[in-house]
Amino acid sequence: MDANVAVRALVRDRANLLGYIWAIVLDLHIAEDIFQDVTVLVIERAGKITCEGHLMQWARKAARFKALEVSRSKPYRMVCLDHKVLDALEADWRRVDERETTDEADFLKARLP
């Protein structure tokens, strides 16, 4: 997959991936940082990603590992979802990938502090 196409797809589905990351780290600022890190990884590894479906699965895995890495590097213990819970939710996240969520994302953004 071309890096430009991959980044456009990732940005288009930003709300889904950001929601996934936020569900792990429970901190919007950290989730944004992780999303940016994942975007850089997508640019670097775009040639190994075969299609948009593969992209989102790959990005979620990368985000999950990055979130766990960040939680381990903090001087305090971040509260994160257990990896077993994340595994159980993976199928649901795949279904979310297939939906148009911009209205839902706009609604939730309007209610953020």
PDB file of N, CA and C in Angstrom:
ATOM      1  N   MET A   1       0.851  -1.170   0.000  1.00  0.00           N
ATOM      2  CA  MET A   1       0.000   0.000   0.000  1.00  0.00           C
ATOM      3  C   MET A   1       0.896   1.232   0.000  1.00  0.00           C
ATOM      4  N   ASP A   2       0.525   2.209  -0.779  1.00  0.00           N
ATOM      5  CA  ASP A   2       1.250   3.466  -0.849  1.00  0.00           C
ATOM      6  C   ASP A   2       1.102   4.218   0.482  1.00  0.00           C
ATOM      7  N   ALA A   3       2.166   4.869   0.951  1.00  0.00           N
ATOM      8  CA  ALA A   3       2.147   5.575   2.235  1.00  0.00           C
ATOM      9  C   ALA A   3       1.086   6.671   2.264  1.00  0.00           C
ATOM     10  N   ASN A   4       0.937   7.409   1.168  1.00  0.00           N
ATOM     11  CA  ASN A   4      -0.072   8.477   1.135  1.00  0.00           C
ATOM     12  C   ASN A   4      -1.485   7.914   1.277  1.00  0.00           C
ATOM     13  N   VAL A   5      -1.756   6.837   0.583  1.00  0.00           N
ATOM     14  CA  VAL A   5      -3.076   6.195   0.663  1.00  0.00           C
ATOM     15  C   VAL A   5      -3.305   5.677   2.084  1.00  0.00           C
ATOM     16  N   ALA A   6      -2.286   5.082   2.661  1.00  0.00           N
ATOM     17  CA  ALA A   6      -2.400   4.537   4.018  1.00  0.00           C
ATOM     18  C   ALA A   6      -2.688   5.640   5.033  1.00  0.00           C
ATOM     19  N   VAL A   7      -1.975   6.744   4.921  1.00  0.00           N
ATOM     20  CA  VAL A   7      -2.186   7.838   5.872  1.00  0.00           C
ATOM     21  C   VAL A   7      -3.575   8.448   5.706  1.00  0.00           C
ATOM     22  N   ARG A   8      -4.014   8.624   4.456  1.00  0.00           N
ATOM     23  CA  ARG A   8      -5.360   9.152   4.232  1.00  0.00           C
ATOM     24  C   ARG A   8      -6.421   8.243   4.854  1.00  0.00           C
ATOM     25  N   ALA A   9      -6.258   6.933   4.683  1.00  0.00           N
ATOM     26  CA  ALA A   9      -7.211   5.982   5.267  1.00  0.00           C
ATOM     27  C   ALA A   9      -7.160   6.040   6.797  1.00  0.00           C
ATOM     28  N   LEU A  10      -5.967   6.147   7.331  1.00  0.00           N
ATOM     29  CA  LEU A  10      -5.811   6.208   8.782  1.00  0.00           C
ATOM     30  C   LEU A  10      -6.452   7.478   9.345  1.00  0.00           C
ATOM     31  N   VAL A  11      -6.228   8.597   8.689  1.00  0.00           N
ATOM     32  CA  VAL A  11      -6.813   9.863   9.142  1.00  0.00           C
ATOM     33  C   VAL A  11      -8.337   9.832   9.002  1.00  0.00           C
ATOM     34  N   ARG A  12      -8.828   9.238   7.929  1.00  0.00           N
ATOM     35  CA  ARG A  12     -10.277   9.126   7.737  1.00  0.00           C
ATOM     36  C   ARG A  12     -10.923   8.328   8.876  1.00  0.00           C
ATOM     37  N   ASP A  13     -10.225   7.286   9.339  1.00  0.00           N
ATOM     38  CA  ASP A  13     -10.752   6.439  10.415  1.00  0.00           C
ATOM     39  C   ASP A  13     -10.140   6.794  11.774  1.00  0.00           C
ATOM     40  N   ARG A  14      -9.658   8.022  11.873  1.00  0.00           N
ATOM     41  CA  ARG A  14      -8.981   8.491  13.081  1.00  0.00           C
ATOM     42  C   ARG A  14      -9.837   8.300  14.330  1.00  0.00           C
ATOM     43  N   ALA A  15     -11.108   8.650  14.253  1.00  0.00           N
ATOM     44  CA  ALA A  15     -11.986   8.558  15.426  1.00  0.00           C
ATOM     45  C   ALA A  15     -12.058   7.125  15.956  1.00  0.00           C
ATOM     46  N   ASN A  16     -12.134   6.157  15.062  1.00  0.00           N
ATOM     47  CA  ASN A  16     -12.195   4.757  15.496  1.00  0.00           C
ATOM     48  C   ASN A  16     -10.921   4.349  16.214  1.00  0.00           C
ATOM     49  N   LEU A  17      -9.786   4.656  15.611  1.00  0.00           N
ATOM     50  CA  LEU A  17      -8.520   4.248  16.213  1.00  0.00           C
ATOM     51  C   LEU A  17      -8.262   5.019  17.502  1.00  0.00           C
ATOM     52  N   LEU A  18      -8.576   6.294  17.514  1.00  0.00           N
ATOM     53  CA  LEU A  18      -8.380   7.087  18.718  1.00  0.00           C
ATOM     54  C   LEU A  18      -9.272   6.579  19.852  1.00  0.00           C
ATOM     55  N   GLY A  19     -10.492   6.188  19.513  1.00  0.00           N
ATOM     56  CA  GLY A  19     -11.378   5.605  20.517  1.00  0.00           C
ATOM     57  C   GLY A  19     -10.827   4.309  21.085  1.00  0.00           C
ATOM     58  N   TYR A  20     -10.258   3.504  20.208  1.00  0.00           N
ATOM     59  CA  TYR A  20      -9.644   2.245  20.643  1.00  0.00           C
ATOM     60  C   TYR A  20      -8.489   2.525  21.600  1.00  0.00           C
ATOM     61  N   ILE A  21      -7.627   3.463  21.228  1.00  0.00           N
ATOM     62  CA  ILE A  21      -6.469   3.792  22.067  1.00  0.00           C
ATOM     63  C   ILE A  21      -6.938   4.360  23.405  1.00  0.00           C
ATOM     64  N   TRP A  22      -7.906   5.267  23.335  1.00  0.00           N
ATOM     65  CA  TRP A  22      -8.415   5.867  24.557  1.00  0.00           C
ATOM     66  C   TRP A  22      -8.990   4.807  25.486  1.00  0.00           C
ATOM     67  N   ALA A  23      -9.661   3.796  24.927  1.00  0.00           N
ATOM     68  CA  ALA A  23     -10.220   2.716  25.742  1.00  0.00           C
ATOM     69  C   ALA A  23      -9.132   1.957  26.489  1.00  0.00           C
ATOM     70  N   ILE A  24      -7.927   1.956  25.953  1.00  0.00           N
ATOM     71  CA  ILE A  24      -6.811   1.272  26.613  1.00  0.00           C
ATOM     72  C   ILE A  24      -6.177   2.163  27.674  1.00  0.00           C
ATOM     73  N   VAL A  25      -5.857   3.414  27.316  1.00  0.00           N
ATOM     74  CA  VAL A  25      -5.073   4.269  28.208  1.00  0.00           C
ATOM     75  C   VAL A  25      -5.910   5.210  29.071  1.00  0.00           C
ATOM     76  N   LEU A  26      -7.158   5.457  28.694  1.00  0.00           N
ATOM     77  CA  LEU A  26      -8.071   6.313  29.446  1.00  0.00           C
ATOM     78  C   LEU A  26      -7.533   7.731  29.654  1.00  0.00           C
ATOM     79  N   ASP A  27      -6.756   8.205  28.704  1.00  0.00           N
ATOM     80  CA  ASP A  27      -6.230   9.577  28.750  1.00  0.00           C
ATOM     81  C   ASP A  27      -6.169  10.088  27.315  1.00  0.00           C
ATOM     82  N   LEU A  28      -6.949  11.119  27.019  1.00  0.00           N
ATOM     83  CA  LEU A  28      -7.054  11.604  25.650  1.00  0.00           C
ATOM     84  C   LEU A  28      -5.724  12.128  25.113  1.00  0.00           C
ATOM     85  N   HIS A  29      -4.943  12.809  25.944  1.00  0.00           N
ATOM     86  CA  HIS A  29      -3.669  13.365  25.490  1.00  0.00           C
ATOM     87  C   HIS A  29      -2.673  12.257  25.141  1.00  0.00           C
ATOM     88  N   ILE A  30      -2.620  11.254  25.978  1.00  0.00           N
ATOM     89  CA  ILE A  30      -1.736  10.117  25.698  1.00  0.00           C
ATOM     90  C   ILE A  30      -2.240   9.377  24.463  1.00  0.00           C
ATOM     91  N   ALA A  31      -3.556   9.235  24.326  1.00  0.00           N
ATOM     92  CA  ALA A  31      -4.124   8.568  23.153  1.00  0.00           C
ATOM     93  C   ALA A  31      -3.741   9.321  21.875  1.00  0.00           C
ATOM     94  N   GLU A  32      -3.794  10.637  21.901  1.00  0.00           N
ATOM     95  CA  GLU A  32      -3.393  11.442  20.738  1.00  0.00           C
ATOM     96  C   GLU A  32      -1.913  11.213  20.396  1.00  0.00           C
ATOM     97  N   ASP A  33      -1.071  11.181  21.415  1.00  0.00           N
ATOM     98  CA  ASP A  33       0.362  10.939  21.186  1.00  0.00           C
ATOM     99  C   ASP A  33       0.590   9.566  20.557  1.00  0.00           C
ATOM    100  N   ILE A  34      -0.115   8.573  21.052  1.00  0.00           N
ATOM    101  CA  ILE A  34       0.026   7.221  20.514  1.00  0.00           C
ATOM    102  C   ILE A  34      -0.483   7.173  19.079  1.00  0.00           C
ATOM    103  N   PHE A  35      -1.597   7.848  18.795  1.00  0.00           N
ATOM    104  CA  PHE A  35      -2.095   7.904  17.423  1.00  0.00           C
ATOM    105  C   PHE A  35      -1.032   8.494  16.493  1.00  0.00           C
ATOM    106  N   GLN A  36      -0.377   9.545  16.924  1.00  0.00           N
ATOM    107  CA  GLN A  36       0.679  10.150  16.107  1.00  0.00           C
ATOM    108  C   GLN A  36       1.838   9.177  15.899  1.00  0.00           C
ATOM    109  N   ASP A  37       2.217   8.458  16.947  1.00  0.00           N
ATOM    110  CA  ASP A  37       3.283   7.458  16.815  1.00  0.00           C
ATOM    111  C   ASP A  37       2.891   6.357  15.827  1.00  0.00           C
ATOM    112  N   VAL A  38       1.650   5.925  15.900  1.00  0.00           N
ATOM    113  CA  VAL A  38       1.163   4.879  14.988  1.00  0.00           C
ATOM    114  C   VAL A  38       1.156   5.406  13.553  1.00  0.00           C
ATOM    115  N   THR A  39       0.789   6.659  13.366  1.00  0.00           N
ATOM    116  CA  THR A  39       0.797   7.257  12.029  1.00  0.00           C
ATOM    117  C   THR A  39       2.201   7.231  11.443  1.00  0.00           C
ATOM    118  N   VAL A  40       3.196   7.559  12.237  1.00  0.00           N
ATOM    119  CA  VAL A  40       4.586   7.499  11.775  1.00  0.00           C
ATOM    120  C   VAL A  40       4.958   6.065  11.402  1.00  0.00           C
ATOM    121  N   LEU A  41       4.561   5.109  12.222  1.00  0.00           N
ATOM    122  CA  LEU A  41       4.837   3.698  11.911  1.00  0.00           C
ATOM    123  C   LEU A  41       4.171   3.272  10.609  1.00  0.00           C
ATOM    124  N   VAL A  42       2.947   3.745  10.380  1.00  0.00           N
ATOM    125  CA  VAL A  42       2.242   3.414   9.137  1.00  0.00           C
ATOM    126  C   VAL A  42       3.006   3.956   7.939  1.00  0.00           C
ATOM    127  N   ILE A  43       3.505   5.169   8.044  1.00  0.00           N
ATOM    128  CA  ILE A  43       4.290   5.750   6.950  1.00  0.00           C
ATOM    129  C   ILE A  43       5.541   4.910   6.689  1.00  0.00           C
ATOM    130  N   GLU A  44       6.210   4.511   7.756  1.00  0.00           N
ATOM    131  CA  GLU A  44       7.442   3.737   7.615  1.00  0.00           C
ATOM    132  C   GLU A  44       7.203   2.335   7.047  1.00  0.00           C
ATOM    133  N   ARG A  45       6.070   1.742   7.369  1.00  0.00           N
ATOM    134  CA  ARG A  45       5.827   0.338   7.004  1.00  0.00           C
ATOM    135  C   ARG A  45       4.693   0.144   6.006  1.00  0.00           C
ATOM    136  N   ALA A  46       4.299   1.197   5.334  1.00  0.00           N
ATOM    137  CA  ALA A  46       3.150   1.128   4.418  1.00  0.00           C
ATOM    138  C   ALA A  46       3.314   0.048   3.355  1.00  0.00           C
ATOM    139  N   GLY A  47       4.513  -0.185   2.898  1.00  0.00           N
ATOM    140  CA  GLY A  47       4.754  -1.186   1.870  1.00  0.00           C
ATOM    141  C   GLY A  47       4.410  -2.600   2.293  1.00  0.00           C
ATOM    142  N   LYS A  48       4.360  -2.840   3.596  1.00  0.00           N
ATOM    143  CA  LYS A  48       4.039  -4.175   4.105  1.00  0.00           C
ATOM    144  C   LYS A  48       2.548  -4.355   4.373  1.00  0.00           C
ATOM    145  N   ILE A  49       1.783  -3.276   4.240  1.00  0.00           N
ATOM    146  CA  ILE A  49       0.349  -3.318   4.500  1.00  0.00           C
ATOM    147  C   ILE A  49      -0.357  -3.543   3.172  1.00  0.00           C
ATOM    148  N   THR A  50      -1.242  -4.532   3.124  1.00  0.00           N
ATOM    149  CA  THR A  50      -1.807  -4.965   1.843  1.00  0.00           C
ATOM    150  C   THR A  50      -3.075  -4.229   1.420  1.00  0.00           C
ATOM    151  N   CYS A  51      -3.935  -3.830   2.387  1.00  0.00           N
ATOM    152  CA  CYS A  51      -5.204  -3.182   2.040  1.00  0.00           C
ATOM    153  C   CYS A  51      -5.704  -2.403   3.246  1.00  0.00           C
ATOM    154  N   GLU A  52      -6.813  -1.691   3.088  1.00  0.00           N
ATOM    155  CA  GLU A  52      -7.331  -0.878   4.196  1.00  0.00           C
ATOM    156  C   GLU A  52      -7.766  -1.720   5.392  1.00  0.00           C
ATOM    157  N   GLY A  53      -8.368  -2.868   5.148  1.00  0.00           N
ATOM    158  CA  GLY A  53      -8.747  -3.747   6.252  1.00  0.00           C
ATOM    159  C   GLY A  53      -7.537  -4.192   7.042  1.00  0.00           C
ATOM    160  N   HIS A  54      -6.496  -4.543   6.329  1.00  0.00           N
ATOM    161  CA  HIS A  54      -5.243  -4.939   6.965  1.00  0.00           C
ATOM    162  C   HIS A  54      -4.639  -3.755   7.711  1.00  0.00           C
ATOM    163  N   LEU A  55      -4.747  -2.571   7.130  1.00  0.00           N
ATOM    164  CA  LEU A  55      -4.212  -1.359   7.749  1.00  0.00           C
ATOM    165  C   LEU A  55      -4.802  -1.149   9.135  1.00  0.00           C
ATOM    166  N   MET A  56      -6.128  -1.206   9.247  1.00  0.00           N
ATOM    167  CA  MET A  56      -6.754  -0.935  10.541  1.00  0.00           C
ATOM    168  C   MET A  56      -6.429  -2.019  11.566  1.00  0.00           C
ATOM    169  N   GLN A  57      -6.372  -3.271  11.141  1.00  0.00           N
ATOM    170  CA  GLN A  57      -5.972  -4.331  12.068  1.00  0.00           C
ATOM    171  C   GLN A  57      -4.539  -4.108  12.529  1.00  0.00           C
ATOM    172  N   TRP A  58      -3.671  -3.778  11.593  1.00  0.00           N
ATOM    173  CA  TRP A  58      -2.269  -3.539  11.906  1.00  0.00           C
ATOM    174  C   TRP A  58      -2.128  -2.327  12.824  1.00  0.00           C
ATOM    175  N   ALA A  59      -2.857  -1.259  12.522  1.00  0.00           N
ATOM    176  CA  ALA A  59      -2.772  -0.032  13.317  1.00  0.00           C
ATOM    177  C   ALA A  59      -3.259  -0.272  14.746  1.00  0.00           C
ATOM    178  N   ARG A  60      -4.325  -1.061  14.901  1.00  0.00           N
ATOM    179  CA  ARG A  60      -4.803  -1.373  16.251  1.00  0.00           C
ATOM    180  C   ARG A  60      -3.762  -2.160  17.035  1.00  0.00           C
ATOM    181  N   LYS A  61      -3.142  -3.131  16.377  1.00  0.00           N
ATOM    182  CA  LYS A  61      -2.100  -3.912  17.068  1.00  0.00           C
ATOM    183  C   LYS A  61      -0.941  -3.006  17.466  1.00  0.00           C
ATOM    184  N   ALA A  62      -0.506  -2.166  16.536  1.00  0.00           N
ATOM    185  CA  ALA A  62       0.603  -1.245  16.822  1.00  0.00           C
ATOM    186  C   ALA A  62       0.224  -0.302  17.965  1.00  0.00           C
ATOM    187  N   ALA A  63      -1.005   0.200  17.948  1.00  0.00           N
ATOM    188  CA  ALA A  63      -1.463   1.110  18.995  1.00  0.00           C
ATOM    189  C   ALA A  63      -1.513   0.399  20.344  1.00  0.00           C
ATOM    190  N   ARG A  64      -1.963  -0.826  20.315  1.00  0.00           N
ATOM    191  CA  ARG A  64      -2.034  -1.606  21.557  1.00  0.00           C
ATOM    192  C   ARG A  64      -0.644  -1.793  22.160  1.00  0.00           C
ATOM    193  N   PHE A  65       0.317  -2.205  21.341  1.00  0.00           N
ATOM    194  CA  PHE A  65       1.682  -2.397  21.837  1.00  0.00           C
ATOM    195  C   PHE A  65       2.287  -1.077  22.302  1.00  0.00           C
ATOM    196  N   LYS A  66       2.019  -0.005  21.564  1.00  0.00           N
ATOM    197  CA  LYS A  66       2.535   1.310  21.924  1.00  0.00           C
ATOM    198  C   LYS A  66       1.923   1.764  23.255  1.00  0.00           C
ATOM    199  N   ALA A  67       0.622   1.541  23.442  1.00  0.00           N
ATOM    200  CA  ALA A  67      -0.035   1.921  24.690  1.00  0.00           C
ATOM    201  C   ALA A  67       0.552   1.161  25.872  1.00  0.00           C
ATOM    202  N   LEU A  68       0.805  -0.114  25.687  1.00  0.00           N
ATOM    203  CA  LEU A  68       1.401  -0.905  26.766  1.00  0.00           C
ATOM    204  C   LEU A  68       2.833  -0.445  27.045  1.00  0.00           C
ATOM    205  N   GLU A  69       3.561  -0.094  26.004  1.00  0.00           N
ATOM    206  CA  GLU A  69       4.918   0.429  26.155  1.00  0.00           C
ATOM    207  C   GLU A  69       4.900   1.746  26.942  1.00  0.00           C
ATOM    208  N   VAL A  70       3.984   2.628  26.594  1.00  0.00           N
ATOM    209  CA  VAL A  70       3.862   3.908  27.288  1.00  0.00           C
ATOM    210  C   VAL A  70       3.480   3.680  28.746  1.00  0.00           C
ATOM    211  N   SER A  71       2.555   2.771  28.998  1.00  0.00           N
ATOM    212  CA  SER A  71       2.128   2.534  30.379  1.00  0.00           C
ATOM    213  C   SER A  71       3.271   1.992  31.237  1.00  0.00           C
ATOM    214  N   ARG A  72       4.156   1.232  30.647  1.00  0.00           N
ATOM    215  CA  ARG A  72       5.304   0.698  31.395  1.00  0.00           C
ATOM    216  C   ARG A  72       6.372   1.751  31.640  1.00  0.00           C
ATOM    217  N   SER A  73       6.432   2.768  30.778  1.00  0.00           N
ATOM    218  CA  SER A  73       7.503   3.762  30.887  1.00  0.00           C
ATOM    219  C   SER A  73       7.157   4.908  31.834  1.00  0.00           C
ATOM    220  N   LYS A  74       5.912   5.006  32.246  1.00  0.00           N
ATOM    221  CA  LYS A  74       5.492   6.096  33.134  1.00  0.00           C
ATOM    222  C   LYS A  74       5.970   5.819  34.554  1.00  0.00           C
ATOM    223  N   PRO A  75       6.334   6.891  35.271  1.00  0.00           N
ATOM    224  CA  PRO A  75       6.768   6.690  36.660  1.00  0.00           C
ATOM    225  C   PRO A  75       5.624   6.253  37.573  1.00  0.00           C
ATOM    226  N   TYR A  76       4.406   6.449  37.117  1.00  0.00           N
ATOM    227  CA  TYR A  76       3.238   5.991  37.860  1.00  0.00           C
ATOM    228  C   TYR A  76       2.546   4.913  37.021  1.00  0.00           C
ATOM    229  N   ARG A  77       1.749   4.133  37.642  1.00  0.00           N
ATOM    230  CA  ARG A  77       1.067   3.039  36.945  1.00  0.00           C
ATOM    231  C   ARG A  77      -0.196   3.565  36.276  1.00  0.00           C
ATOM    232  N   MET A  78      -0.235   3.487  34.953  1.00  0.00           N
ATOM    233  CA  MET A  78      -1.432   3.859  34.219  1.00  0.00           C
ATOM    234  C   MET A  78      -2.441   2.717  34.315  1.00  0.00           C
ATOM    235  N   VAL A  79      -3.693   3.071  34.343  1.00  0.00           N
ATOM    236  CA  VAL A  79      -4.748   2.065  34.328  1.00  0.00           C
ATOM    237  C   VAL A  79      -5.033   1.720  32.876  1.00  0.00           C
ATOM    238  N   CYS A  80      -4.841   0.466  32.511  1.00  0.00           N
ATOM    239  CA  CYS A  80      -5.080   0.011  31.142  1.00  0.00           C
ATOM    240  C   CYS A  80      -5.962  -1.231  31.178  1.00  0.00           C
ATOM    241  N   LEU A  81      -6.678  -1.421  30.094  1.00  0.00           N
ATOM    242  CA  LEU A  81      -7.448  -2.654  29.982  1.00  0.00           C
ATOM    243  C   LEU A  81      -6.499  -3.834  29.875  1.00  0.00           C
ATOM    244  N   ASP A  82      -6.886  -4.917  30.457  1.00  0.00           N
ATOM    245  CA  ASP A  82      -6.119  -6.151  30.405  1.00  0.00           C
ATOM    246  C   ASP A  82      -6.070  -6.680  28.966  1.00  0.00           C
ATOM    247  N   HIS A  83      -4.971  -7.333  28.600  1.00  0.00           N
ATOM    248  CA  HIS A  83      -4.830  -7.841  27.228  1.00  0.00           C
ATOM    249  C   HIS A  83      -5.910  -8.866  26.875  1.00  0.00           C
ATOM    250  N   LYS A  84      -6.425  -9.597  27.853  1.00  0.00           N
ATOM    251  CA  LYS A  84      -7.499 -10.556  27.573  1.00  0.00           C
ATOM    252  C   LYS A  84      -8.786  -9.831  27.176  1.00  0.00           C
ATOM    253  N   VAL A  85      -9.039  -8.706  27.816  1.00  0.00           N
ATOM    254  CA  VAL A  85     -10.218  -7.906  27.464  1.00  0.00           C
ATOM    255  C   VAL A  85     -10.049  -7.348  26.056  1.00  0.00           C
ATOM    256  N   LEU A  86      -8.848  -6.850  25.749  1.00  0.00           N
ATOM    257  CA  LEU A  86      -8.586  -6.314  24.409  1.00  0.00           C
ATOM    258  C   LEU A  86      -8.748  -7.392  23.348  1.00  0.00           C
ATOM    259  N   ASP A  87      -8.278  -8.595  23.637  1.00  0.00           N
ATOM    260  CA  ASP A  87      -8.461  -9.702  22.690  1.00  0.00           C
ATOM    261  C   ASP A  87      -9.941  -9.975  22.451  1.00  0.00           C
ATOM    262  N   ALA A  88     -10.716  -9.960  23.517  1.00  0.00           N
ATOM    263  CA  ALA A  88     -12.146 -10.237  23.399  1.00  0.00           C
ATOM    264  C   ALA A  88     -12.865  -9.146  22.608  1.00  0.00           C
ATOM    265  N   LEU A  89     -12.387  -7.920  22.696  1.00  0.00           N
ATOM    266  CA  LEU A  89     -13.022  -6.804  22.000  1.00  0.00           C
ATOM    267  C   LEU A  89     -12.605  -6.671  20.538  1.00  0.00           C
ATOM    268  N   GLU A  90     -11.576  -7.362  20.125  1.00  0.00           N
ATOM    269  CA  GLU A  90     -11.030  -7.198  18.768  1.00  0.00           C
ATOM    270  C   GLU A  90     -12.087  -7.420  17.683  1.00  0.00           C
ATOM    271  N   ALA A  91     -12.911  -8.438  17.819  1.00  0.00           N
ATOM    272  CA  ALA A  91     -13.944  -8.695  16.801  1.00  0.00           C
ATOM    273  C   ALA A  91     -14.935  -7.540  16.720  1.00  0.00           C
ATOM    274  N   ASP A  92     -15.284  -6.974  17.851  1.00  0.00           N
ATOM    275  CA  ASP A  92     -16.188  -5.823  17.844  1.00  0.00           C
ATOM    276  C   ASP A  92     -15.541  -4.618  17.181  1.00  0.00           C
ATOM    277  N   TRP A  93     -14.265  -4.412  17.414  1.00  0.00           N
ATOM    278  CA  TRP A  93     -13.575  -3.285  16.782  1.00  0.00           C
ATOM    279  C   TRP A  93     -13.545  -3.460  15.271  1.00  0.00           C
ATOM    280  N   ARG A  94     -13.429  -4.679  14.796  1.00  0.00           N
ATOM    281  CA  ARG A  94     -13.452  -4.910  13.341  1.00  0.00           C
ATOM    282  C   ARG A  94     -14.795  -4.496  12.750  1.00  0.00           C
ATOM    283  N   ARG A  95     -15.880  -4.770  13.472  1.00  0.00           N
ATOM    284  CA  ARG A  95     -17.200  -4.347  12.997  1.00  0.00           C
ATOM    285  C   ARG A  95     -17.325  -2.831  12.992  1.00  0.00           C
ATOM    286  N   VAL A  96     -16.726  -2.177  13.956  1.00  0.00           N
ATOM    287  CA  VAL A  96     -16.737  -0.712  14.007  1.00  0.00           C
ATOM    288  C   VAL A  96     -15.989  -0.153  12.799  1.00  0.00           C
ATOM    289  N   ASP A  97     -14.934  -0.812  12.375  1.00  0.00           N
ATOM    290  CA  ASP A  97     -14.166  -0.361  11.207  1.00  0.00           C
ATOM    291  C   ASP A  97     -15.041  -0.256   9.972  1.00  0.00           C
ATOM    292  N   GLU A  98     -16.058  -1.081   9.894  1.00  0.00           N
ATOM    293  CA  GLU A  98     -16.904  -1.140   8.707  1.00  0.00           C
ATOM    294  C   GLU A  98     -18.021  -0.095   8.721  1.00  0.00           C
ATOM    295  N   ARG A  99     -18.201   0.608   9.834  1.00  0.00           N
ATOM    296  CA  ARG A  99     -19.276   1.596   9.951  1.00  0.00           C
ATOM    297  C   ARG A  99     -18.758   3.004   9.726  1.00  0.00           C
ATOM    298  N   GLU A 100     -19.639   3.871   9.310  1.00  0.00           N
ATOM    299  CA  GLU A 100     -19.357   5.297   9.206  1.00  0.00           C
ATOM    300  C   GLU A 100     -19.633   5.902  10.585  1.00  0.00           C
ATOM    301  N   THR A 101     -18.634   6.498  11.202  1.00  0.00           N
ATOM    302  CA  THR A 101     -18.796   6.947  12.584  1.00  0.00           C
ATOM    303  C   THR A 101     -18.597   8.447  12.769  1.00  0.00           C
ATOM    304  N   THR A 102     -18.573   9.216  11.718  1.00  0.00           N
ATOM    305  CA  THR A 102     -18.295  10.640  11.882  1.00  0.00           C
ATOM    306  C   THR A 102     -19.352  11.341  12.728  1.00  0.00           C
ATOM    307  N   ASP A 103     -20.627  11.003  12.563  1.00  0.00           N
ATOM    308  CA  ASP A 103     -21.671  11.627  13.387  1.00  0.00           C
ATOM    309  C   ASP A 103     -21.480  11.291  14.863  1.00  0.00           C
ATOM    310  N   GLU A 104     -21.182  10.036  15.141  1.00  0.00           N
ATOM    311  CA  GLU A 104     -20.952   9.622  16.521  1.00  0.00           C
ATOM    312  C   GLU A 104     -19.733  10.335  17.096  1.00  0.00           C
ATOM    313  N   ALA A 105     -18.666  10.434  16.321  1.00  0.00           N
ATOM    314  CA  ALA A 105     -17.450  11.098  16.791  1.00  0.00           C
ATOM    315  C   ALA A 105     -17.709  12.574  17.066  1.00  0.00           C
ATOM    316  N   ASP A 106     -18.431  13.243  16.183  1.00  0.00           N
ATOM    317  CA  ASP A 106     -18.756  14.652  16.395  1.00  0.00           C
ATOM    318  C   ASP A 106     -19.578  14.836  17.676  1.00  0.00           C
ATOM    319  N   PHE A 107     -20.545  13.951  17.902  1.00  0.00           N
ATOM    320  CA  PHE A 107     -21.368  13.996  19.100  1.00  0.00           C
ATOM    321  C   PHE A 107     -20.512  13.861  20.358  1.00  0.00           C
ATOM    322  N   LEU A 108     -19.600  12.888  20.350  1.00  0.00           N
ATOM    323  CA  LEU A 108     -18.762  12.660  21.528  1.00  0.00           C
ATOM    324  C   LEU A 108     -17.774  13.802  21.744  1.00  0.00           C
ATOM    325  N   LYS A 109     -17.194  14.330  20.669  1.00  0.00           N
ATOM    326  CA  LYS A 109     -16.259  15.453  20.803  1.00  0.00           C
ATOM    327  C   LYS A 109     -16.932  16.650  21.445  1.00  0.00           C
ATOM    328  N   ALA A 110     -18.191  16.889  21.112  1.00  0.00           N
ATOM    329  CA  ALA A 110     -18.911  18.040  21.661  1.00  0.00           C
ATOM    330  C   ALA A 110     -19.099  17.916  23.176  1.00  0.00           C
ATOM    331  N   ARG A 111     -18.972  16.699  23.703  1.00  0.00           N
ATOM    332  CA  ARG A 111     -19.179  16.481  25.133  1.00  0.00           C
ATOM    333  C   ARG A 111     -17.898  16.304  25.908  1.00  0.00           C
ATOM    334  N   LEU A 112     -16.740  16.381  25.244  1.00  0.00           N
ATOM    335  CA  LEU A 112     -15.471  16.263  25.952  1.00  0.00           C
ATOM    336  C   LEU A 112     -15.200  17.521  26.757  1.00  0.00           C
ATOM    337  N   PRO A 113     -14.587  17.375  27.938  1.00  0.00           N
ATOM    338  CA  PRO A 113     -14.262  18.561  28.751  1.00  0.00           C
ATOM    339  C   PRO A 113     -13.220  19.433  28.077  1.00  0.00           C
TER     340      PRO A 113
END
